[in-house]
Amino acid sequence: MNILDKITLDKREEVALRKGLIPISQLEQSVLFERLTVSLANNLRNSKSGIIAEHKRRSPSKSVINNGLNVQDVAKGYESAGVCGMSILTDGKYFGGSLDDLLSAKASCNLPLLRKEFIIDEYQILEAKAYGADVILLIAAILSRDDIKQFSEFAKSLNLDVLLEVHNEEELHKSIMPSLDMLGVNNRNLKTFDVSLNTSKSLSNLIPDDFVKVSESGISNIEAIKELQPYGYQGFLIGENFMKSDNPGKSATEFIKTLEL
């Protein structure tokens, strides 16, 4: 069993437990549920840098990245750096995140927030809206075409943007549908954890222009972005590169300034 299978299995148990603790009616009564959302896709289309900056404490591949920062400071720092949006890991067991991180970020900045999570149930999309997310992530590797259609259409009914993540051509072909806003290519092989920008390059021509193209994982320098921009990528998800510094906001500010020179 690879790490993705293991995470998904654990996630099913976790979601079943959460459903028993907090009913859907309670999520729908959240003060954040009726708010207007901010579109990450629009921000990326109108940006020169296209940076989506991530808050991530740890990961299965890198263990601890940074446990010493509070989300509010990171969110404020990213916003002042001029990023297009903020990605927040909400998985606890493998990434050290929580839904409370979403709430803290929402209270601290006006950036569109992506709930980065292993979504396998509509309930998690309701949670995303109730806790302040503007965007959800769907991972093609763990979902069927019917799942992707059901979850993305449900997210759109809640005015949430949808970022669909693929790793290969097979996942891309089963995923393309009008209820998606952004198509993300993960450069990390989730079975081996090897990273290659060639994944983004080879899939770029297969992604229709209706979708904002996002490249994820392994983007740690300006050169990687300059390499990918000619392939039509408008979004670049960067996590570890900023989070491993003492001040992710400052790190993002310097990165974006250099990129826009």
Protein backbone atom coordinates (compact mmCIF):
# COMPACT_ATOMS: atom_id res chain seq x y z
CA MET A 1 0.00 0.00 0.00
CA ASN A 2 1.52 3.37 -1.02
CA ILE A 3 1.29 6.48 1.17
CA LEU A 4 -1.66 7.92 -0.78
CA ASP A 5 -3.70 4.74 -0.27
CA LYS A 6 -2.85 4.78 3.44
CA ILE A 7 -3.83 8.44 3.86
CA THR A 8 -7.12 7.86 1.99
CA LEU A 9 -7.99 4.85 4.15
CA ASP A 10 -7.34 6.84 7.34
CA LYS A 11 -9.30 9.77 5.91
CA ARG A 12 -12.44 7.66 5.45
CA GLU A 13 -12.35 6.73 9.15
CA GLU A 14 -11.67 10.33 10.17
CA VAL A 15 -14.54 11.75 8.10
CA ALA A 16 -16.99 9.15 9.44
CA LEU A 17 -15.99 10.20 12.96
CA ARG A 18 -16.34 13.94 12.21
CA LYS A 19 -19.79 13.43 10.68
CA GLY A 20 -20.89 11.85 13.95
CA LEU A 21 -19.56 14.80 15.98
CA ILE A 22 -20.69 17.80 13.92
CA PRO A 23 -23.94 17.53 11.94
CA ILE A 24 -24.28 19.17 8.51
CA SER A 25 -26.89 21.60 9.89
CA GLN A 26 -24.27 22.95 12.32
CA LEU A 27 -21.76 23.52 9.50
CA GLU A 28 -24.41 25.36 7.47
CA GLN A 29 -25.11 27.67 10.43
CA SER A 30 -21.46 28.81 10.59
CA VAL A 31 -21.07 32.60 10.38
CA LEU A 32 -18.68 32.08 7.45
CA PHE A 33 -21.06 29.92 5.43
CA GLU A 34 -22.97 32.76 3.73
CA ARG A 35 -19.94 34.97 3.03
CA LEU A 36 -18.82 35.94 -0.47
CA THR A 37 -15.86 33.87 -1.62
CA VAL A 38 -12.73 35.18 -3.36
CA SER A 39 -11.74 33.53 -6.65
CA LEU A 40 -8.21 32.15 -6.78
CA ALA A 41 -8.62 31.39 -10.50
CA ASN A 42 -9.33 35.08 -11.24
CA ASN A 43 -6.36 36.19 -9.13
CA LEU A 44 -4.05 33.85 -11.05
CA ARG A 45 -5.34 35.03 -14.43
CA ASN A 46 -4.55 38.64 -13.49
CA SER A 47 -1.19 38.13 -11.83
CA LYS A 48 2.39 38.42 -13.06
CA SER A 49 3.79 36.02 -10.47
CA GLY A 50 1.00 33.44 -9.99
CA ILE A 51 2.30 32.36 -6.59
CA ILE A 52 0.09 30.26 -4.31
CA ALA A 53 1.97 30.11 -1.01
CA GLU A 54 1.44 27.20 1.34
CA HIS A 55 1.22 26.73 5.09
CA LYS A 56 2.55 23.26 5.86
CA ARG A 57 4.08 22.11 9.14
CA ARG A 58 5.27 18.68 8.02
CA SER A 59 4.82 16.06 5.32
CA PRO A 60 5.25 12.30 4.96
CA SER A 61 8.22 12.83 2.61
CA LYS A 62 10.07 15.56 4.54
CA SER A 63 8.96 14.99 8.14
CA VAL A 64 8.99 18.30 10.09
CA ILE A 65 9.28 21.43 7.91
CA ASN A 66 8.38 24.11 10.46
CA ASN A 67 6.37 23.66 13.65
CA GLY A 68 7.31 26.98 15.22
CA LEU A 69 5.18 29.49 13.32
CA ASN A 70 1.63 30.61 13.92
CA VAL A 71 -0.78 30.68 11.00
CA GLN A 72 -1.85 34.31 11.54
CA ASP A 73 1.70 35.63 11.06
CA VAL A 74 2.25 33.43 8.01
CA ALA A 75 -1.06 34.56 6.43
CA LYS A 76 -0.32 38.27 7.03
CA GLY A 77 3.20 37.83 5.67
CA TYR A 78 1.98 36.10 2.53
CA GLU A 79 -0.66 38.75 1.94
CA SER A 80 1.83 41.62 2.23
CA ALA A 81 4.19 39.72 -0.09
CA GLY A 82 1.51 39.92 -2.81
CA VAL A 83 0.81 36.21 -3.34
CA CYS A 84 -2.33 35.22 -5.30
CA GLY A 85 -3.66 32.85 -2.69
CA MET A 86 -2.77 30.71 0.30
CA SER A 87 -2.91 26.93 0.50
CA ILE A 88 -3.54 25.46 3.96
CA LEU A 89 -2.98 21.80 4.80
CA THR A 90 -5.83 20.71 7.08
CA ASP A 91 -4.83 17.05 7.47
CA GLY A 92 -3.71 16.38 11.02
CA LYS A 93 -2.17 12.92 11.05
CA TYR A 94 0.28 13.29 8.17
CA PHE A 95 0.73 17.06 7.79
CA GLY A 96 0.11 18.50 11.26
CA GLY A 97 -2.69 20.79 10.07
CA SER A 98 -6.28 21.41 11.14
CA LEU A 99 -9.47 23.22 10.16
CA ASP A 100 -8.63 25.77 12.85
CA ASP A 101 -5.67 26.81 10.69
CA LEU A 102 -8.20 27.83 8.02
CA LEU A 103 -10.18 29.89 10.55
CA SER A 104 -7.02 31.64 11.79
CA ALA A 105 -5.90 32.49 8.27
CA LYS A 106 -9.38 33.77 7.30
CA ALA A 107 -9.36 36.08 10.33
CA SER A 108 -5.90 37.40 9.42
CA CYS A 109 -5.97 38.06 5.67
CA ASN A 110 -8.19 38.62 2.62
CA LEU A 111 -6.43 36.13 0.37
CA PRO A 112 -8.39 33.33 -1.32
CA LEU A 113 -7.75 30.27 0.84
CA LEU A 114 -7.36 26.77 -0.57
CA ARG A 115 -8.30 23.91 1.73
CA LYS A 116 -5.59 21.40 0.85
CA GLU A 117 -7.07 18.11 1.90
CA PHE A 118 -7.75 14.56 0.74
CA ILE A 119 -11.42 15.02 -0.13
CA ILE A 120 -13.42 11.81 -0.37
CA ASP A 121 -16.84 13.05 0.83
CA GLU A 122 -19.17 16.04 0.23
CA TYR A 123 -19.09 16.64 3.97
CA GLN A 124 -15.48 17.90 3.69
CA ILE A 125 -16.60 20.47 1.10
CA LEU A 126 -19.24 21.78 3.52
CA GLU A 127 -16.51 21.94 6.19
CA ALA A 128 -14.29 23.91 3.80
CA LYS A 129 -17.01 26.54 3.27
CA ALA A 130 -17.90 26.69 6.99
CA TYR A 131 -14.30 27.19 8.07
CA GLY A 132 -13.40 29.93 5.59
CA ALA A 133 -12.02 28.25 2.46
CA ASP A 134 -12.59 29.80 -0.98
CA VAL A 135 -11.15 26.92 -2.96
CA ILE A 136 -11.08 23.14 -2.61
CA LEU A 137 -8.56 20.63 -3.93
CA LEU A 138 -9.69 17.42 -5.59
CA ILE A 139 -7.07 14.72 -6.21
CA ALA A 140 -7.75 12.63 -9.33
CA ALA A 141 -5.58 9.76 -8.05
CA ILE A 142 -8.05 8.97 -5.25
CA LEU A 143 -11.35 9.76 -7.04
CA SER A 144 -13.42 8.28 -9.85
CA ARG A 145 -14.74 10.46 -12.68
CA ASP A 146 -18.19 10.35 -11.06
CA ASP A 147 -16.69 11.50 -7.73
CA ILE A 148 -14.91 14.39 -9.43
CA LYS A 149 -18.13 15.46 -11.18
CA GLN A 150 -20.23 15.18 -8.01
CA PHE A 151 -17.75 16.98 -5.74
CA SER A 152 -16.82 19.74 -8.20
CA GLU A 153 -20.46 20.54 -9.02
CA PHE A 154 -21.31 20.57 -5.32
CA ALA A 155 -18.39 22.94 -4.63
CA LYS A 156 -19.54 25.27 -7.42
CA SER A 157 -23.06 25.32 -5.90
CA LEU A 158 -21.37 26.73 -2.75
CA ASN A 159 -19.45 29.30 -4.85
CA LEU A 160 -16.12 27.61 -4.16
CA ASP A 161 -13.36 27.45 -6.79
CA VAL A 162 -12.14 23.95 -7.68
CA LEU A 163 -8.51 22.97 -8.26
CA LEU A 164 -8.20 19.44 -9.65
CA GLU A 165 -4.81 17.79 -9.24
CA VAL A 166 -3.40 15.19 -11.65
CA HIS A 167 -0.13 13.26 -11.87
CA ASN A 168 -0.35 11.70 -15.34
CA GLU A 169 -2.21 11.63 -18.67
CA GLU A 170 -4.70 8.96 -17.58
CA GLU A 171 -5.82 11.03 -14.56
CA LEU A 172 -6.08 14.14 -16.73
CA HIS A 173 -8.32 12.51 -19.35
CA LYS A 174 -10.81 11.24 -16.77
CA SER A 175 -10.95 14.62 -15.03
CA ILE A 176 -11.60 17.32 -17.61
CA MET A 177 -15.10 18.77 -17.10
CA PRO A 178 -16.71 22.25 -17.01
CA SER A 179 -17.16 22.32 -13.21
CA LEU A 180 -13.40 22.78 -12.66
CA ASP A 181 -11.64 26.15 -12.55
CA MET A 182 -8.01 25.12 -12.34
CA LEU A 183 -6.05 22.04 -13.37
CA GLY A 184 -2.99 21.38 -11.24
CA VAL A 185 -0.15 19.09 -12.26
CA ASN A 186 1.70 17.60 -9.31
CA ASN A 187 5.35 17.10 -10.25
CA ARG A 188 5.83 14.68 -7.36
CA ASN A 189 5.27 10.99 -7.99
CA LEU A 190 3.20 10.04 -4.94
CA LYS A 191 4.42 6.47 -5.06
CA THR A 192 8.16 7.20 -5.18
CA PHE A 193 8.20 10.90 -4.07
CA ASP A 194 10.54 11.69 -6.99
CA VAL A 195 9.98 15.19 -8.40
CA SER A 196 10.31 16.28 -12.03
CA LEU A 197 9.12 19.46 -13.80
CA ASN A 198 8.86 17.36 -16.96
CA THR A 199 5.50 16.12 -15.63
CA SER A 200 4.08 19.67 -15.94
CA LYS A 201 5.71 20.19 -19.33
CA SER A 202 4.48 16.94 -20.87
CA LEU A 203 0.87 17.45 -19.73
CA SER A 204 0.59 21.15 -20.57
CA ASN A 205 -0.63 20.70 -24.16
CA LEU A 206 -3.36 18.29 -23.04
CA ILE A 207 -4.98 20.86 -20.71
CA PRO A 208 -7.61 22.99 -22.52
CA ASP A 209 -7.11 26.76 -22.28
CA ASP A 210 -10.46 27.18 -20.47
CA PHE A 211 -8.70 26.12 -17.27
CA VAL A 212 -6.02 27.95 -15.32
CA LYS A 213 -2.93 25.73 -15.35
CA VAL A 214 -1.18 25.28 -12.02
CA SER A 215 2.12 23.52 -11.40
CA GLU A 216 2.65 21.96 -7.97
CA SER A 217 5.63 20.49 -6.07
CA GLY A 218 9.34 20.88 -6.70
CA ILE A 219 9.14 24.61 -7.44
CA SER A 220 11.87 26.04 -5.27
CA ASN A 221 13.47 28.71 -7.45
CA ILE A 222 12.73 31.46 -9.98
CA GLU A 223 14.25 29.39 -12.79
CA ALA A 224 11.59 26.66 -12.39
CA ILE A 225 8.80 29.22 -12.87
CA LYS A 226 10.49 30.86 -15.87
CA GLU A 227 10.89 27.36 -17.34
CA LEU A 228 7.17 26.57 -16.92
CA GLN A 229 5.59 29.89 -17.96
CA PRO A 230 6.10 29.26 -21.71
CA TYR A 231 4.03 26.08 -21.26
CA GLY A 232 1.02 28.18 -20.25
CA TYR A 233 1.23 27.81 -16.47
CA GLN A 234 -0.26 30.77 -14.58
CA GLY A 235 -0.20 29.30 -11.06
CA PHE A 236 2.69 27.93 -9.01
CA LEU A 237 2.15 26.26 -5.65
CA ILE A 238 5.11 26.80 -3.34
CA GLY A 239 5.19 25.39 0.17
CA GLU A 240 8.41 24.03 1.57
CA ASN A 241 10.58 26.74 0.05
CA PHE A 242 8.85 29.47 2.12
CA MET A 243 7.89 27.39 5.16
CA LYS A 244 11.40 26.16 5.88
CA SER A 245 12.50 29.76 6.51
CA ASP A 246 11.99 31.60 9.84
CA ASN A 247 9.82 34.18 8.10
CA PRO A 248 7.78 32.72 5.19
CA GLY A 249 6.23 36.12 4.37
CA LYS A 250 9.64 37.75 3.98
CA SER A 251 10.87 34.78 1.96
CA ALA A 252 7.83 35.07 -0.36
CA THR A 253 8.31 38.86 -0.69
CA GLU A 254 11.93 38.46 -1.83
CA PHE A 255 10.97 35.61 -4.19
CA ILE A 256 8.20 37.60 -5.90
CA LYS A 257 10.32 40.76 -6.18
CA THR A 258 13.07 38.80 -7.93
CA LEU A 259 10.56 37.00 -10.16
CA GLU A 260 8.97 40.25 -11.34
CA LEU A 261 12.29 41.97 -12.15
